Amino acid sequence: MFHFAQQILWEWSRVCTAADRQRVDAVLRWGVRSGLCRSDILTTAELIEDLDDDLFQRILRDKNHILHTLLRPAMQSRLRT
């Protein structure tokens, strides 16, 4: 199951604009410059991409997920080509 913070970020990523993401990234960069954040912190785009990949892999691994039966054949045919 998604961690609560991951779920919030994933939902937010669906409704935010590019300007919203730029503002968040600017705050994160400021946090790094100020020493409040580690220098290896991910950008919002990287975080969202990681969450999407994680969710997709969870669906592929979970045989009881409603999308599993739809995605598995599509992925297998894509891998063959």
C-alpha atoms as a PDB file:
ATOM      1  CA  MET A   1       0.000   0.000   0.000  1.00  0.00           C
ATOM      2  CA  PHE A   2       1.173   3.521  -0.743  1.00  0.00           C
ATOM      3  CA  HIS A   3       2.607   5.461   2.135  1.00  0.00           C
ATOM      4  CA  PHE A   4       0.250   8.332   3.032  1.00  0.00           C
ATOM      5  CA  ALA A   5       2.707  11.065   1.954  1.00  0.00           C
ATOM      6  CA  GLN A   6       3.306   9.284  -1.364  1.00  0.00           C
ATOM      7  CA  GLN A   7      -0.432   9.121  -1.987  1.00  0.00           C
ATOM      8  CA  ILE A   8      -0.812  12.835  -1.299  1.00  0.00           C
ATOM      9  CA  LEU A   9       2.050  13.725  -3.645  1.00  0.00           C
ATOM     10  CA  TRP A  10       0.683  11.437  -6.358  1.00  0.00           C
ATOM     11  CA  GLU A  11      -2.792  12.989  -6.105  1.00  0.00           C
ATOM     12  CA  TRP A  12      -1.355  16.522  -6.036  1.00  0.00           C
ATOM     13  CA  SER A  13       0.722  15.805  -9.131  1.00  0.00           C
ATOM     14  CA  ARG A  14      -2.462  15.182 -11.103  1.00  0.00           C
ATOM     15  CA  VAL A  15      -3.919  18.634 -10.416  1.00  0.00           C
ATOM     16  CA  CYS A  16      -0.870  20.891 -10.151  1.00  0.00           C
ATOM     17  CA  THR A  17       0.392  23.087 -12.948  1.00  0.00           C
ATOM     18  CA  ALA A  18       3.936  23.422 -14.244  1.00  0.00           C
ATOM     19  CA  ALA A  19       4.131  26.743 -12.380  1.00  0.00           C
ATOM     20  CA  ASP A  20       3.171  24.964  -9.135  1.00  0.00           C
ATOM     21  CA  ARG A  21       5.950  22.437  -9.641  1.00  0.00           C
ATOM     22  CA  GLN A  22       8.463  25.198 -10.390  1.00  0.00           C
ATOM     23  CA  ARG A  23       7.524  26.979  -7.161  1.00  0.00           C
ATOM     24  CA  VAL A  24       7.951  23.801  -5.124  1.00  0.00           C
ATOM     25  CA  ASP A  25      11.294  23.114  -6.809  1.00  0.00           C
ATOM     26  CA  ALA A  26      12.382  26.675  -6.013  1.00  0.00           C
ATOM     27  CA  VAL A  27      11.554  26.133  -2.342  1.00  0.00           C
ATOM     28  CA  LEU A  28      13.497  22.863  -2.367  1.00  0.00           C
ATOM     29  CA  ARG A  29      16.518  24.558  -3.961  1.00  0.00           C
ATOM     30  CA  TRP A  30      16.312  27.306  -1.332  1.00  0.00           C
ATOM     31  CA  GLY A  31      16.221  24.603   1.348  1.00  0.00           C
ATOM     32  CA  VAL A  32      19.398  23.048  -0.074  1.00  0.00           C
ATOM     33  CA  ARG A  33      21.163  26.429  -0.225  1.00  0.00           C
ATOM     34  CA  SER A  34      20.080  27.172   3.347  1.00  0.00           C
ATOM     35  CA  GLY A  35      21.282  23.808   4.606  1.00  0.00           C
ATOM     36  CA  LEU A  36      17.771  22.671   5.530  1.00  0.00           C
ATOM     37  CA  CYS A  37      17.643  19.917   2.876  1.00  0.00           C
ATOM     38  CA  ARG A  38      20.189  17.430   1.640  1.00  0.00           C
ATOM     39  CA  SER A  39      21.808  18.291  -1.669  1.00  0.00           C
ATOM     40  CA  ASP A  40      20.652  15.033  -3.286  1.00  0.00           C
ATOM     41  CA  ILE A  41      16.939  15.830  -2.881  1.00  0.00           C
ATOM     42  CA  LEU A  42      14.834  14.948  -5.935  1.00  0.00           C
ATOM     43  CA  THR A  43      12.891  17.466  -7.992  1.00  0.00           C
ATOM     44  CA  THR A  44       9.101  17.224  -8.069  1.00  0.00           C
ATOM     45  CA  ALA A  45       9.280  15.753 -11.586  1.00  0.00           C
ATOM     46  CA  GLU A  46      11.670  13.029 -10.387  1.00  0.00           C
ATOM     47  CA  LEU A  47       9.515  12.271  -7.344  1.00  0.00           C
ATOM     48  CA  ILE A  48       6.365  11.998  -9.447  1.00  0.00           C
ATOM     49  CA  GLU A  49       8.096   9.796 -12.021  1.00  0.00           C
ATOM     50  CA  ASP A  50       9.353   7.501  -9.249  1.00  0.00           C
ATOM     51  CA  LEU A  51       5.842   7.268  -7.781  1.00  0.00           C
ATOM     52  CA  ASP A  52       4.346   6.455 -11.183  1.00  0.00           C
ATOM     53  CA  ASP A  53       6.941   3.738 -11.763  1.00  0.00           C
ATOM     54  CA  ASP A  54       6.369   2.320  -8.283  1.00  0.00           C
ATOM     55  CA  LEU A  55       2.589   2.232  -8.731  1.00  0.00           C
ATOM     56  CA  PHE A  56       2.902   0.596 -12.151  1.00  0.00           C
ATOM     57  CA  GLN A  57       5.235  -2.099 -10.809  1.00  0.00           C
ATOM     58  CA  ARG A  58       2.895  -2.766  -7.877  1.00  0.00           C
ATOM     59  CA  ILE A  59      -0.001  -3.292 -10.289  1.00  0.00           C
ATOM     60  CA  LEU A  60       2.052  -5.683 -12.422  1.00  0.00           C
ATOM     61  CA  ARG A  61       3.105  -7.718  -9.351  1.00  0.00           C
ATOM     62  CA  ASP A  62      -0.336  -7.843  -7.688  1.00  0.00           C
ATOM     63  CA  LYS A  63      -2.337 -10.598  -9.376  1.00  0.00           C
ATOM     64  CA  ASN A  64      -5.491  -9.461  -7.556  1.00  0.00           C
ATOM     65  CA  HIS A  65      -5.311  -5.858  -8.770  1.00  0.00           C
ATOM     66  CA  ILE A  66      -8.127  -5.034 -11.173  1.00  0.00           C
ATOM     67  CA  LEU A  67      -5.704  -3.672 -13.793  1.00  0.00           C
ATOM     68  CA  HIS A  68      -3.273  -6.604 -13.572  1.00  0.00           C
ATOM     69  CA  THR A  69      -5.133  -8.737 -16.113  1.00  0.00           C
ATOM     70  CA  LEU A  70      -5.340  -5.822 -18.539  1.00  0.00           C
ATOM     71  CA  LEU A  71      -1.743  -4.650 -18.264  1.00  0.00           C
ATOM     72  CA  ARG A  72       0.098  -7.970 -18.143  1.00  0.00           C
ATOM     73  CA  PRO A  73      -0.761  -9.070 -21.736  1.00  0.00           C
ATOM     74  CA  ALA A  74      -0.018  -5.597 -23.072  1.00  0.00           C
ATOM     75  CA  MET A  75       3.378  -5.545 -21.387  1.00  0.00           C
ATOM     76  CA  GLN A  76       4.259  -9.037 -22.628  1.00  0.00           C
ATOM     77  CA  SER A  77       3.399  -8.161 -26.232  1.00  0.00           C
ATOM     78  CA  ARG A  78       5.380  -4.902 -25.958  1.00  0.00           C
ATOM     79  CA  LEU A  79       8.426  -6.788 -24.683  1.00  0.00           C
ATOM     80  CA  ARG A  80       8.284  -9.211 -27.640  1.00  0.00           C
ATOM     81  CA  THR A  81       8.479  -6.464 -30.261  1.00  0.00           C
END
